[in-house]
PDB file of N, CA and C in Angstrom:
ATOM      1  N   MET A   1      -2.545  16.605  10.485  1.00  0.00           N
ATOM      2  CA  MET A   1      -3.282  15.393   9.691  1.00  0.00           C
ATOM      3  C   MET A   1      -3.424  16.039   8.532  1.00  0.00           C
ATOM      4  N   ALA A   2      -2.517  15.138   7.470  1.00  0.00           N
ATOM      5  CA  ALA A   2      -2.309  15.069   6.069  1.00  0.00           C
ATOM      6  C   ALA A   2      -4.056  15.077   5.877  1.00  0.00           C
ATOM      7  N   THR A   3      -4.472  15.576   4.626  1.00  0.00           N
ATOM      8  CA  THR A   3      -5.994  15.802   4.104  1.00  0.00           C
ATOM      9  C   THR A   3      -6.307  14.167   3.228  1.00  0.00           C
ATOM     10  N   GLU A   4      -7.039  14.349   3.039  1.00  0.00           N
ATOM     11  CA  GLU A   4      -7.686  13.205   2.092  1.00  0.00           C
ATOM     12  C   GLU A   4      -7.127  13.281   0.014  1.00  0.00           C
ATOM     13  N   ALA A   5      -7.037  14.414   0.084  1.00  0.00           N
ATOM     14  CA  ALA A   5      -6.169  15.068  -1.016  1.00  0.00           C
ATOM     15  C   ALA A   5      -4.507  14.619  -0.660  1.00  0.00           C
ATOM     16  N   ASP A   6      -4.428  15.011   0.066  1.00  0.00           N
ATOM     17  CA  ASP A   6      -2.907  14.673   0.209  1.00  0.00           C
ATOM     18  C   ASP A   6      -2.555  12.963   0.093  1.00  0.00           C
ATOM     19  N   CYS A   7      -3.364  12.480   0.381  1.00  0.00           N
ATOM     20  CA  CYS A   7      -3.281  10.882   0.836  1.00  0.00           C
ATOM     21  C   CYS A   7      -3.045  10.442  -0.075  1.00  0.00           C
ATOM     22  N   ASP A   8      -4.383  10.928  -1.319  1.00  0.00           N
ATOM     23  CA  ASP A   8      -4.762  10.451  -2.435  1.00  0.00           C
ATOM     24  C   ASP A   8      -3.801  10.246  -3.333  1.00  0.00           C
ATOM     25  N   LYS A   9      -3.357  11.651  -3.399  1.00  0.00           N
ATOM     26  CA  LYS A   9      -1.459  12.085  -4.379  1.00  0.00           C
ATOM     27  C   LYS A   9      -0.735  11.127  -3.923  1.00  0.00           C
ATOM     28  N   ALA A  10      -0.002  10.709  -2.270  1.00  0.00           N
ATOM     29  CA  ALA A  10       0.485   9.674  -2.301  1.00  0.00           C
ATOM     30  C   ALA A  10       0.445   8.233  -3.068  1.00  0.00           C
ATOM     31  N   LEU A  11      -0.842   7.654  -2.463  1.00  0.00           N
ATOM     32  CA  LEU A  11      -0.998   6.500  -2.595  1.00  0.00           C
ATOM     33  C   LEU A  11      -0.944   6.756  -4.972  1.00  0.00           C
ATOM     34  N   ARG A  12      -1.539   7.769  -4.945  1.00  0.00           N
ATOM     35  CA  ARG A  12      -1.001   8.002  -6.796  1.00  0.00           C
ATOM     36  C   ARG A  12       0.815   7.848  -7.390  1.00  0.00           C
ATOM     37  N   SER A  13       1.379   8.708  -6.499  1.00  0.00           N
ATOM     38  CA  SER A  13       2.588   8.233  -6.778  1.00  0.00           C
ATOM     39  C   SER A  13       3.336   7.380  -6.232  1.00  0.00           C
ATOM     40  N   LEU A  14       2.575   6.449  -5.306  1.00  0.00           N
ATOM     41  CA  LEU A  14       2.990   4.500  -5.409  1.00  0.00           C
ATOM     42  C   LEU A  14       2.801   4.142  -6.554  1.00  0.00           C
ATOM     43  N   VAL A  15       1.720   4.032  -6.596  1.00  0.00           N
ATOM     44  CA  VAL A  15       1.459   3.621  -8.359  1.00  0.00           C
ATOM     45  C   VAL A  15       2.403   3.968  -9.287  1.00  0.00           C
ATOM     46  N   ASP A  16       2.827   5.066  -9.395  1.00  0.00           N
ATOM     47  CA  ASP A  16       3.742   5.607 -10.165  1.00  0.00           C
ATOM     48  C   ASP A  16       5.400   4.585  -9.773  1.00  0.00           C
ATOM     49  N   MET A  17       5.350   4.685  -8.513  1.00  0.00           N
ATOM     50  CA  MET A  17       6.786   3.893  -8.186  1.00  0.00           C
ATOM     51  C   MET A  17       6.930   2.799  -8.770  1.00  0.00           C
ATOM     52  N   LEU A  18       5.733   2.013  -8.392  1.00  0.00           N
ATOM     53  CA  LEU A  18       5.923   0.582  -8.618  1.00  0.00           C
ATOM     54  C   LEU A  18       5.261   0.548 -10.164  1.00  0.00           C
ATOM     55  N   ALA A  19       4.782   0.878 -10.790  1.00  0.00           N
ATOM     56  CA  ALA A  19       4.875   1.160 -12.252  1.00  0.00           C
ATOM     57  C   ALA A  19       6.497   0.974 -12.881  1.00  0.00           C
ATOM     58  N   ARG A  20       7.045   1.898 -12.426  1.00  0.00           N
ATOM     59  CA  ARG A  20       8.736   2.422 -12.376  1.00  0.00           C
ATOM     60  C   ARG A  20       9.293   1.017 -11.790  1.00  0.00           C
ATOM     61  N   VAL A  21       9.289  -0.032 -11.749  1.00  0.00           N
ATOM     62  CA  VAL A  21       9.842  -0.870 -11.282  1.00  0.00           C
ATOM     63  C   VAL A  21       9.665  -2.047 -12.494  1.00  0.00           C
ATOM     64  N   PRO A  22      11.340  -2.516 -12.529  1.00  0.00           N
ATOM     65  CA  PRO A  22      11.351  -3.698 -14.251  1.00  0.00           C
ATOM     66  C   PRO A  22      10.391  -4.539 -14.193  1.00  0.00           C
ATOM     67  N   ALA A  23       9.298  -4.501 -15.188  1.00  0.00           N
ATOM     68  CA  ALA A  23       8.380  -6.202 -15.136  1.00  0.00           C
ATOM     69  C   ALA A  23       9.112  -7.299 -14.104  1.00  0.00           C
ATOM     70  N   ASP A  24       9.961  -7.810 -15.229  1.00  0.00           N
ATOM     71  CA  ASP A  24      10.948  -8.549 -14.373  1.00  0.00           C
ATOM     72  C   ASP A  24      11.001  -8.708 -13.249  1.00  0.00           C
ATOM     73  N   VAL A  25      11.159  -7.668 -12.218  1.00  0.00           N
ATOM     74  CA  VAL A  25      10.891  -8.185 -10.657  1.00  0.00           C
ATOM     75  C   VAL A  25       9.960  -7.905 -10.326  1.00  0.00           C
ATOM     76  N   ARG A  26       9.371  -6.680 -10.984  1.00  0.00           N
ATOM     77  CA  ARG A  26       7.656  -7.561 -10.564  1.00  0.00           C
ATOM     78  C   ARG A  26       7.264  -8.633 -10.535  1.00  0.00           C
ATOM     79  N   SER A  27       6.896  -9.076 -11.371  1.00  0.00           N
ATOM     80  CA  SER A  27       6.728 -10.448 -11.257  1.00  0.00           C
ATOM     81  C   SER A  27       7.282 -11.670 -11.125  1.00  0.00           C
ATOM     82  N   LYS A  28       8.559 -11.525 -10.259  1.00  0.00           N
ATOM     83  CA  LYS A  28       9.180 -11.911  -9.730  1.00  0.00           C
ATOM     84  C   LYS A  28       8.827 -12.302  -8.204  1.00  0.00           C
ATOM     85  N   TYR A  29       8.177 -10.952  -7.831  1.00  0.00           N
ATOM     86  CA  TYR A  29       7.970 -10.545  -6.397  1.00  0.00           C
ATOM     87  C   TYR A  29       6.010 -10.645  -6.220  1.00  0.00           C
ATOM     88  N   VAL A  30       5.230 -10.320  -6.870  1.00  0.00           N
ATOM     89  CA  VAL A  30       4.053  -9.608  -7.006  1.00  0.00           C
ATOM     90  C   VAL A  30       2.686 -11.260  -7.385  1.00  0.00           C
ATOM     91  N   LEU A  31       2.253 -11.148  -6.468  1.00  0.00           N
ATOM     92  CA  LEU A  31       1.272 -12.083  -6.927  1.00  0.00           C
ATOM     93  C   LEU A  31      -0.144 -11.584  -6.904  1.00  0.00           C
ATOM     94  N   GLU A  32      -0.801 -11.473  -8.021  1.00  0.00           N
ATOM     95  CA  GLU A  32      -1.973 -11.174  -8.379  1.00  0.00           C
ATOM     96  C   GLU A  32      -3.053 -11.308  -6.671  1.00  0.00           C
ATOM     97  N   ARG A  33      -3.303  -9.979  -5.867  1.00  0.00           N
ATOM     98  CA  ARG A  33      -3.963  -9.569  -4.719  1.00  0.00           C
ATOM     99  C   ARG A  33      -5.132  -8.577  -4.727  1.00  0.00           C
ATOM    100  N   THR A  34      -5.933  -9.071  -4.214  1.00  0.00           N
ATOM    101  CA  THR A  34      -6.807  -7.179  -4.216  1.00  0.00           C
ATOM    102  C   THR A  34      -6.424  -6.417  -2.867  1.00  0.00           C
ATOM    103  N   VAL A  35      -5.709  -5.345  -2.753  1.00  0.00           N
ATOM    104  CA  VAL A  35      -5.546  -4.601  -1.988  1.00  0.00           C
ATOM    105  C   VAL A  35      -6.696  -3.593  -1.172  1.00  0.00           C
ATOM    106  N   SER A  36      -6.687  -3.029  -0.458  1.00  0.00           N
ATOM    107  CA  SER A  36      -6.954  -1.974   0.472  1.00  0.00           C
ATOM    108  C   SER A  36      -5.818  -1.272   1.337  1.00  0.00           C
ATOM    109  N   CYS A  37      -6.196   0.007   1.674  1.00  0.00           N
ATOM    110  CA  CYS A  37      -5.994   0.653   2.658  1.00  0.00           C
ATOM    111  C   CYS A  37      -6.541   1.952   3.064  1.00  0.00           C
ATOM    112  N   ARG A  38      -6.677   1.452   4.238  1.00  0.00           N
ATOM    113  CA  ARG A  38      -7.681   2.715   4.974  1.00  0.00           C
ATOM    114  C   ARG A  38      -6.946   3.367   6.158  1.00  0.00           C
ATOM    115  N   VAL A  39      -6.838   4.903   5.382  1.00  0.00           N
ATOM    116  CA  VAL A  39      -6.307   5.819   6.181  1.00  0.00           C
ATOM    117  C   VAL A  39      -7.202   6.577   7.754  1.00  0.00           C
ATOM    118  N   HIS A  40      -6.978   5.176   8.806  1.00  0.00           N
ATOM    119  CA  HIS A  40      -7.779   5.155   9.871  1.00  0.00           C
ATOM    120  C   HIS A  40      -7.771   6.709  10.759  1.00  0.00           C
ATOM    121  N   ASP A  41      -7.148   8.113  10.603  1.00  0.00           N
ATOM    122  CA  ASP A  41      -7.472   9.105  10.992  1.00  0.00           C
ATOM    123  C   ASP A  41      -8.918   9.878   9.762  1.00  0.00           C
ATOM    124  N   LEU A  42      -8.399   9.502   9.187  1.00  0.00           N
ATOM    125  CA  LEU A  42      -9.478   9.975   7.614  1.00  0.00           C
ATOM    126  C   LEU A  42     -11.042   8.979   7.483  1.00  0.00           C
ATOM    127  N   ASP A  43     -10.824   7.942   7.982  1.00  0.00           N
ATOM    128  CA  ASP A  43     -12.071   7.751   7.880  1.00  0.00           C
ATOM    129  C   ASP A  43     -12.267   7.173   6.072  1.00  0.00           C
ATOM    130  N   ILE A  44     -11.330   7.003   5.857  1.00  0.00           N
ATOM    131  CA  ILE A  44     -11.397   6.706   4.394  1.00  0.00           C
ATOM    132  C   ILE A  44     -10.544   4.893   3.594  1.00  0.00           C
ATOM    133  N   THR A  45     -11.009   4.795   2.596  1.00  0.00           N
ATOM    134  CA  THR A  45     -10.498   3.651   2.258  1.00  0.00           C
ATOM    135  C   THR A  45      -9.986   3.681   0.880  1.00  0.00           C
ATOM    136  N   TRP A  46      -8.850   3.308   0.566  1.00  0.00           N
ATOM    137  CA  TRP A  46      -8.705   2.832  -1.056  1.00  0.00           C
ATOM    138  C   TRP A  46      -9.046   1.567  -0.952  1.00  0.00           C
ATOM    139  N   SER A  47      -8.825   0.783  -2.361  1.00  0.00           N
ATOM    140  CA  SER A  47      -8.930  -0.186  -2.700  1.00  0.00           C
ATOM    141  C   SER A  47      -8.536  -0.429  -3.888  1.00  0.00           C
ATOM    142  N   ALA A  48      -7.409  -1.336  -4.228  1.00  0.00           N
ATOM    143  CA  ALA A  48      -7.131  -1.540  -5.719  1.00  0.00           C
ATOM    144  C   ALA A  48      -6.738  -2.721  -5.885  1.00  0.00           C
ATOM    145  N   ARG A  49      -5.795  -3.361  -6.957  1.00  0.00           N
ATOM    146  CA  ARG A  49      -5.622  -5.119  -7.705  1.00  0.00           C
ATOM    147  C   ARG A  49      -4.143  -4.684  -7.651  1.00  0.00           C
ATOM    148  N   LEU A  50      -3.226  -5.455  -7.183  1.00  0.00           N
ATOM    149  CA  LEU A  50      -1.807  -5.517  -7.047  1.00  0.00           C
ATOM    150  C   LEU A  50      -1.792  -6.821  -8.320  1.00  0.00           C
ATOM    151  N   CYS A  51      -1.106  -6.387  -8.742  1.00  0.00           N
ATOM    152  CA  CYS A  51      -0.490  -7.928 -10.133  1.00  0.00           C
ATOM    153  C   CYS A  51       0.447  -7.406 -10.970  1.00  0.00           C
ATOM    154  N   ASP A  52       0.987  -8.039 -11.586  1.00  0.00           N
ATOM    155  CA  ASP A  52       1.984  -7.498 -12.486  1.00  0.00           C
ATOM    156  C   ASP A  52       2.389  -6.740 -13.378  1.00  0.00           C
ATOM    157  N   GLU A  53       1.447  -5.919 -13.825  1.00  0.00           N
ATOM    158  CA  GLU A  53       1.300  -4.747 -13.892  1.00  0.00           C
ATOM    159  C   GLU A  53       1.417  -3.619 -13.260  1.00  0.00           C
ATOM    160  N   GLY A  54       1.675  -3.997 -12.002  1.00  0.00           N
ATOM    161  CA  GLY A  54       1.940  -2.711 -11.087  1.00  0.00           C
ATOM    162  C   GLY A  54       0.103  -2.582 -10.345  1.00  0.00           C
ATOM    163  N   ILE A  55       0.028  -1.423  -9.781  1.00  0.00           N
ATOM    164  CA  ILE A  55      -1.205  -1.626  -8.905  1.00  0.00           C
ATOM    165  C   ILE A  55      -2.280  -0.502  -9.885  1.00  0.00           C
ATOM    166  N   ILE A  56      -3.740  -1.671  -9.912  1.00  0.00           N
ATOM    167  CA  ILE A  56      -4.574  -1.028 -11.200  1.00  0.00           C
ATOM    168  C   ILE A  56      -5.817  -1.390 -10.335  1.00  0.00           C
ATOM    169  N   GLY A  57      -6.825   0.047 -10.666  1.00  0.00           N
ATOM    170  CA  GLY A  57      -7.716   0.798 -10.345  1.00  0.00           C
ATOM    171  C   GLY A  57      -8.257   1.527  -8.944  1.00  0.00           C
ATOM    172  N   LEU A  58      -6.831   1.806  -8.830  1.00  0.00           N
ATOM    173  CA  LEU A  58      -6.859   2.959  -7.312  1.00  0.00           C
ATOM    174  C   LEU A  58      -8.575   3.706  -7.096  1.00  0.00           C
ATOM    175  N   THR A  59      -9.079   3.291  -6.473  1.00  0.00           N
ATOM    176  CA  THR A  59     -10.386   4.017  -6.637  1.00  0.00           C
ATOM    177  C   THR A  59     -10.191   4.284  -4.729  1.00  0.00           C
ATOM    178  N   THR A  60     -11.429   5.016  -4.295  1.00  0.00           N
ATOM    179  CA  THR A  60     -11.521   4.645  -2.802  1.00  0.00           C
ATOM    180  C   THR A  60     -13.306   4.370  -2.383  1.00  0.00           C
ATOM    181  N   GLY A  61     -12.793   3.537  -1.541  1.00  0.00           N
ATOM    182  CA  GLY A  61     -14.038   2.560  -1.406  1.00  0.00           C
ATOM    183  C   GLY A  61     -13.853   1.460  -0.666  1.00  0.00           C
ATOM    184  N   GLU A  62     -14.055   0.824   0.386  1.00  0.00           N
ATOM    185  CA  GLU A  62     -13.493  -0.133   0.890  1.00  0.00           C
ATOM    186  C   GLU A  62     -14.460  -1.098   0.460  1.00  0.00           C
ATOM    187  N   ASP A  63     -13.319  -2.287   0.204  1.00  0.00           N
ATOM    188  CA  ASP A  63     -13.289  -3.987  -0.209  1.00  0.00           C
ATOM    189  C   ASP A  63     -13.095  -4.686   0.723  1.00  0.00           C
ATOM    190  N   ALA A  64     -13.955  -4.969   1.639  1.00  0.00           N
ATOM    191  CA  ALA A  64     -14.313  -5.788   2.401  1.00  0.00           C
ATOM    192  C   ALA A  64     -13.594  -7.579   2.313  1.00  0.00           C
ATOM    193  N   LYS A  65     -13.116  -7.509   1.025  1.00  0.00           N
ATOM    194  CA  LYS A  65     -12.600  -9.158   0.916  1.00  0.00           C
ATOM    195  C   LYS A  65     -11.446  -8.717   0.728  1.00  0.00           C
ATOM    196  N   ALA A  66     -10.845  -7.384   0.248  1.00  0.00           N
ATOM    197  CA  ALA A  66      -9.378  -7.679  -0.110  1.00  0.00           C
ATOM    198  C   ALA A  66      -7.938  -8.851   0.508  1.00  0.00           C
ATOM    199  N   GLN A  67      -7.270  -9.877  -0.196  1.00  0.00           N
ATOM    200  CA  GLN A  67      -6.761  -9.666   0.397  1.00  0.00           C
ATOM    201  C   GLN A  67      -5.526  -9.686   1.012  1.00  0.00           C
ATOM    202  N   VAL A  68      -5.539  -8.153   0.380  1.00  0.00           N
ATOM    203  CA  VAL A  68      -4.316  -7.502   1.369  1.00  0.00           C
ATOM    204  C   VAL A  68      -4.741  -6.469   2.128  1.00  0.00           C
ATOM    205  N   ARG A  69      -5.246  -6.106   3.477  1.00  0.00           N
ATOM    206  CA  ARG A  69      -5.489  -4.870   4.438  1.00  0.00           C
ATOM    207  C   ARG A  69      -4.490  -4.211   4.985  1.00  0.00           C
ATOM    208  N   ILE A  70      -4.288  -2.874   4.763  1.00  0.00           N
ATOM    209  CA  ILE A  70      -3.781  -2.212   5.077  1.00  0.00           C
ATOM    210  C   ILE A  70      -4.322  -0.807   5.794  1.00  0.00           C
ATOM    211  N   SER A  71      -3.452  -0.687   7.075  1.00  0.00           N
ATOM    212  CA  SER A  71      -4.336   0.434   8.026  1.00  0.00           C
ATOM    213  C   SER A  71      -3.124   1.186   8.429  1.00  0.00           C
ATOM    214  N   VAL A  72      -3.271   2.722   8.402  1.00  0.00           N
ATOM    215  CA  VAL A  72      -2.190   3.459   8.743  1.00  0.00           C
ATOM    216  C   VAL A  72      -2.908   5.224   8.468  1.00  0.00           C
ATOM    217  N   GLY A  73      -1.969   5.832   9.215  1.00  0.00           N
ATOM    218  CA  GLY A  73      -2.626   7.289  10.098  1.00  0.00           C
ATOM    219  C   GLY A  73      -1.630   7.899   8.169  1.00  0.00           C
ATOM    220  N   SER A  74      -2.477   8.899   8.721  1.00  0.00           N
ATOM    221  CA  SER A  74      -2.421   9.758   7.109  1.00  0.00           C
ATOM    222  C   SER A  74      -1.471  10.324   6.973  1.00  0.00           C
ATOM    223  N   ASP A  75      -1.012  10.982   8.364  1.00  0.00           N
ATOM    224  CA  ASP A  75       1.062  11.403   8.325  1.00  0.00           C
ATOM    225  C   ASP A  75       1.957  10.246   7.681  1.00  0.00           C
ATOM    226  N   ASP A  76       1.582   9.240   8.819  1.00  0.00           N
ATOM    227  CA  ASP A  76       2.376   7.942   8.009  1.00  0.00           C
ATOM    228  C   ASP A  76       2.065   7.774   6.753  1.00  0.00           C
ATOM    229  N   LEU A  77       1.380   7.742   6.492  1.00  0.00           N
ATOM    230  CA  LEU A  77       1.259   7.514   4.963  1.00  0.00           C
ATOM    231  C   LEU A  77       2.076   8.371   4.550  1.00  0.00           C
ATOM    232  N   LEU A  78       1.778   9.761   4.662  1.00  0.00           N
ATOM    233  CA  LEU A  78       2.992  10.372   3.356  1.00  0.00           C
ATOM    234  C   LEU A  78       4.510  10.081   3.503  1.00  0.00           C
ATOM    235  N   ALA A  79       4.416   9.818   5.025  1.00  0.00           N
ATOM    236  CA  ALA A  79       6.150   9.474   5.397  1.00  0.00           C
ATOM    237  C   ALA A  79       6.725   8.585   5.067  1.00  0.00           C
ATOM    238  N   LEU A  80       5.879   7.084   4.471  1.00  0.00           N
ATOM    239  CA  LEU A  80       6.007   6.175   3.622  1.00  0.00           C
ATOM    240  C   LEU A  80       6.027   6.541   2.475  1.00  0.00           C
ATOM    241  N   VAL A  81       5.492   7.005   2.061  1.00  0.00           N
ATOM    242  CA  VAL A  81       5.498   7.161   0.449  1.00  0.00           C
ATOM    243  C   VAL A  81       7.049   8.178   0.085  1.00  0.00           C
ATOM    244  N   GLU A  82       6.941   8.753   0.941  1.00  0.00           N
ATOM    245  CA  GLU A  82       8.021   9.879   0.510  1.00  0.00           C
ATOM    246  C   GLU A  82       8.977   9.577   1.047  1.00  0.00           C
ATOM    247  N   GLY A  83       9.459   8.040   1.873  1.00  0.00           N
ATOM    248  CA  GLY A  83      11.006   7.695   2.023  1.00  0.00           C
ATOM    249  C   GLY A  83      11.242   8.092   3.620  1.00  0.00           C
ATOM    250  N   ARG A  84      10.511   9.227   4.108  1.00  0.00           N
ATOM    251  CA  ARG A  84      10.615   9.615   5.961  1.00  0.00           C
ATOM    252  C   ARG A  84      10.617   8.778   6.564  1.00  0.00           C
ATOM    253  N   GLN A  85      10.115   7.830   6.498  1.00  0.00           N
ATOM    254  CA  GLN A  85       9.783   6.024   7.581  1.00  0.00           C
ATOM    255  C   GLN A  85       9.850   4.924   6.816  1.00  0.00           C
ATOM    256  N   SER A  86      10.731   3.946   7.409  1.00  0.00           N
ATOM    257  CA  SER A  86      10.657   2.663   6.890  1.00  0.00           C
ATOM    258  C   SER A  86       9.232   2.150   7.373  1.00  0.00           C
ATOM    259  N   LEU A  87       9.067   1.259   5.757  1.00  0.00           N
ATOM    260  CA  LEU A  87       8.210   0.165   6.550  1.00  0.00           C
ATOM    261  C   LEU A  87       8.138  -1.118   7.767  1.00  0.00           C
ATOM    262  N   PRO A  88       9.437  -1.666   7.333  1.00  0.00           N
ATOM    263  CA  PRO A  88       9.848  -2.072   9.189  1.00  0.00           C
ATOM    264  C   PRO A  88       9.899  -1.940   9.946  1.00  0.00           C
ATOM    265  N   SER A  89      10.286  -0.023  10.436  1.00  0.00           N
ATOM    266  CA  SER A  89      10.550   0.632  10.941  1.00  0.00           C
ATOM    267  C   SER A  89       8.771   0.982  11.689  1.00  0.00           C
ATOM    268  N   ALA A  90       8.333   1.213  10.664  1.00  0.00           N
ATOM    269  CA  ALA A  90       6.517   1.534  11.008  1.00  0.00           C
ATOM    270  C   ALA A  90       5.259   0.833  11.020  1.00  0.00           C
ATOM    271  N   PHE A  91       5.882  -0.691  10.969  1.00  0.00           N
ATOM    272  CA  PHE A  91       5.453  -1.684  11.139  1.00  0.00           C
ATOM    273  C   PHE A  91       5.812  -2.310  12.583  1.00  0.00           C
ATOM    274  N   ALA A  92       6.875  -2.380  12.745  1.00  0.00           N
ATOM    275  CA  ALA A  92       7.569  -2.541  14.279  1.00  0.00           C
ATOM    276  C   ALA A  92       6.736  -1.989  15.759  1.00  0.00           C
ATOM    277  N   THR A  93       6.317  -0.441  15.490  1.00  0.00           N
ATOM    278  CA  THR A  93       6.052   0.427  16.079  1.00  0.00           C
ATOM    279  C   THR A  93       4.341   0.175  16.146  1.00  0.00           C
ATOM    280  N   GLY A  94       3.809  -0.450  15.033  1.00  0.00           N
ATOM    281  CA  GLY A  94       2.463  -0.231  15.336  1.00  0.00           C
ATOM    282  C   GLY A  94       1.659   1.070  14.771  1.00  0.00           C
ATOM    283  N   LYS A  95       2.111   1.864  13.898  1.00  0.00           N
ATOM    284  CA  LYS A  95       2.042   3.048  12.838  1.00  0.00           C
ATOM    285  C   LYS A  95       1.718   2.164  11.819  1.00  0.00           C
ATOM    286  N   VAL A  96       1.969   1.203  11.640  1.00  0.00           N
ATOM    287  CA  VAL A  96       1.301   0.556  10.097  1.00  0.00           C
ATOM    288  C   VAL A  96       0.709  -0.723  10.717  1.00  0.00           C
ATOM    289  N   ARG A  97      -0.536  -1.039  10.007  1.00  0.00           N
ATOM    290  CA  ARG A  97      -1.209  -2.551  10.570  1.00  0.00           C
ATOM    291  C   ARG A  97      -1.446  -2.836   9.096  1.00  0.00           C
ATOM    292  N   VAL A  98      -1.241  -4.621   8.797  1.00  0.00           N
ATOM    293  CA  VAL A  98      -1.272  -4.980   7.589  1.00  0.00           C
ATOM    294  C   VAL A  98      -1.469  -6.713   8.067  1.00  0.00           C
ATOM    295  N   GLN A  99      -2.751  -6.769   7.135  1.00  0.00           N
ATOM    296  CA  GLN A  99      -3.727  -8.430   7.639  1.00  0.00           C
ATOM    297  C   GLN A  99      -2.986  -9.073   5.648  1.00  0.00           C
ATOM    298  N   ALA A 100      -2.040 -10.254   6.074  1.00  0.00           N
ATOM    299  CA  ALA A 100      -2.203 -10.766   5.127  1.00  0.00           C
ATOM    300  C   ALA A 100      -1.459 -11.852   5.382  1.00  0.00           C
ATOM    301  N   SER A 101      -1.814 -12.851   4.210  1.00  0.00           N
ATOM    302  CA  SER A 101      -0.805 -14.270   4.512  1.00  0.00           C
ATOM    303  C   SER A 101       0.389 -13.704   5.146  1.00  0.00           C
ATOM    304  N   PRO A 102       1.193 -14.787   5.386  1.00  0.00           N
ATOM    305  CA  PRO A 102       2.520 -14.782   5.816  1.00  0.00           C
ATOM    306  C   PRO A 102       3.226 -14.714   4.501  1.00  0.00           C
ATOM    307  N   LEU A 103       2.942 -15.720   3.610  1.00  0.00           N
ATOM    308  CA  LEU A 103       3.159 -15.976   1.591  1.00  0.00           C
ATOM    309  C   LEU A 103       3.585 -14.220   0.907  1.00  0.00           C
ATOM    310  N   ASP A 104       2.328 -13.354   1.267  1.00  0.00           N
ATOM    311  CA  ASP A 104       2.297 -11.808   0.786  1.00  0.00           C
ATOM    312  C   ASP A 104       3.194 -11.724   1.439  1.00  0.00           C
ATOM    313  N   MET A 105       2.976 -11.427   2.797  1.00  0.00           N
ATOM    314  CA  MET A 105       4.134 -10.709   3.765  1.00  0.00           C
ATOM    315  C   MET A 105       5.567 -10.897   3.417  1.00  0.00           C
ATOM    316  N   LEU A 106       5.807 -11.306   3.335  1.00  0.00           N
ATOM    317  CA  LEU A 106       7.190 -12.107   2.600  1.00  0.00           C
ATOM    318  C   LEU A 106       7.441 -11.570   1.115  1.00  0.00           C
ATOM    319  N   ARG A 107       6.610 -11.481   0.283  1.00  0.00           N
ATOM    320  CA  ARG A 107       7.333 -11.267  -0.977  1.00  0.00           C
ATOM    321  C   ARG A 107       7.063  -9.791  -1.235  1.00  0.00           C
ATOM    322  N   LEU A 108       5.477  -9.190  -0.681  1.00  0.00           N
ATOM    323  CA  LEU A 108       5.412  -7.454  -0.347  1.00  0.00           C
ATOM    324  C   LEU A 108       6.757  -6.965   0.034  1.00  0.00           C
ATOM    325  N   THR A 109       7.623  -7.594   1.300  1.00  0.00           N
ATOM    326  CA  THR A 109       8.460  -7.037   1.795  1.00  0.00           C
ATOM    327  C   THR A 109       9.866  -7.175   1.159  1.00  0.00           C
ATOM    328  N   ALA A 110      10.023  -8.114   0.168  1.00  0.00           N
ATOM    329  CA  ALA A 110      10.810  -8.009  -0.967  1.00  0.00           C
ATOM    330  C   ALA A 110      10.871  -7.220  -1.875  1.00  0.00           C
ATOM    331  N   LEU A 111       9.661  -7.079  -2.474  1.00  0.00           N
ATOM    332  CA  LEU A 111       9.559  -6.577  -3.373  1.00  0.00           C
ATOM    333  C   LEU A 111       9.691  -4.304  -3.009  1.00  0.00           C
ATOM    334  N   ILE A 112       9.485  -4.277  -1.379  1.00  0.00           N
ATOM    335  CA  ILE A 112       9.578  -3.083  -1.131  1.00  0.00           C
ATOM    336  C   ILE A 112      11.020  -2.720  -0.546  1.00  0.00           C
TER     337      ILE A 112
END
């Protein structure tokens, strides 16, 4: 099981990766949304805002009203961020659960 520090580092790496996506591509696929990522085996949630600029304001603490909610295990989170696991495969096998509108799901999948 990965640690809280490992997961925090992975999520901050994801923030950096999204920041490197060209702004015109981000603006094409990203709608402004609040996002939470619950790492269920550590019982910790990170929250942020997803917008044209990328992922802004990543902090620990649950956002009960997040428009996009992701739940994942710590090891699976690391595997996804490091590219050892694909999101469609993790989603299909139940390793990642996403609660979002169908439009948000389509746009996020296209960006990833």
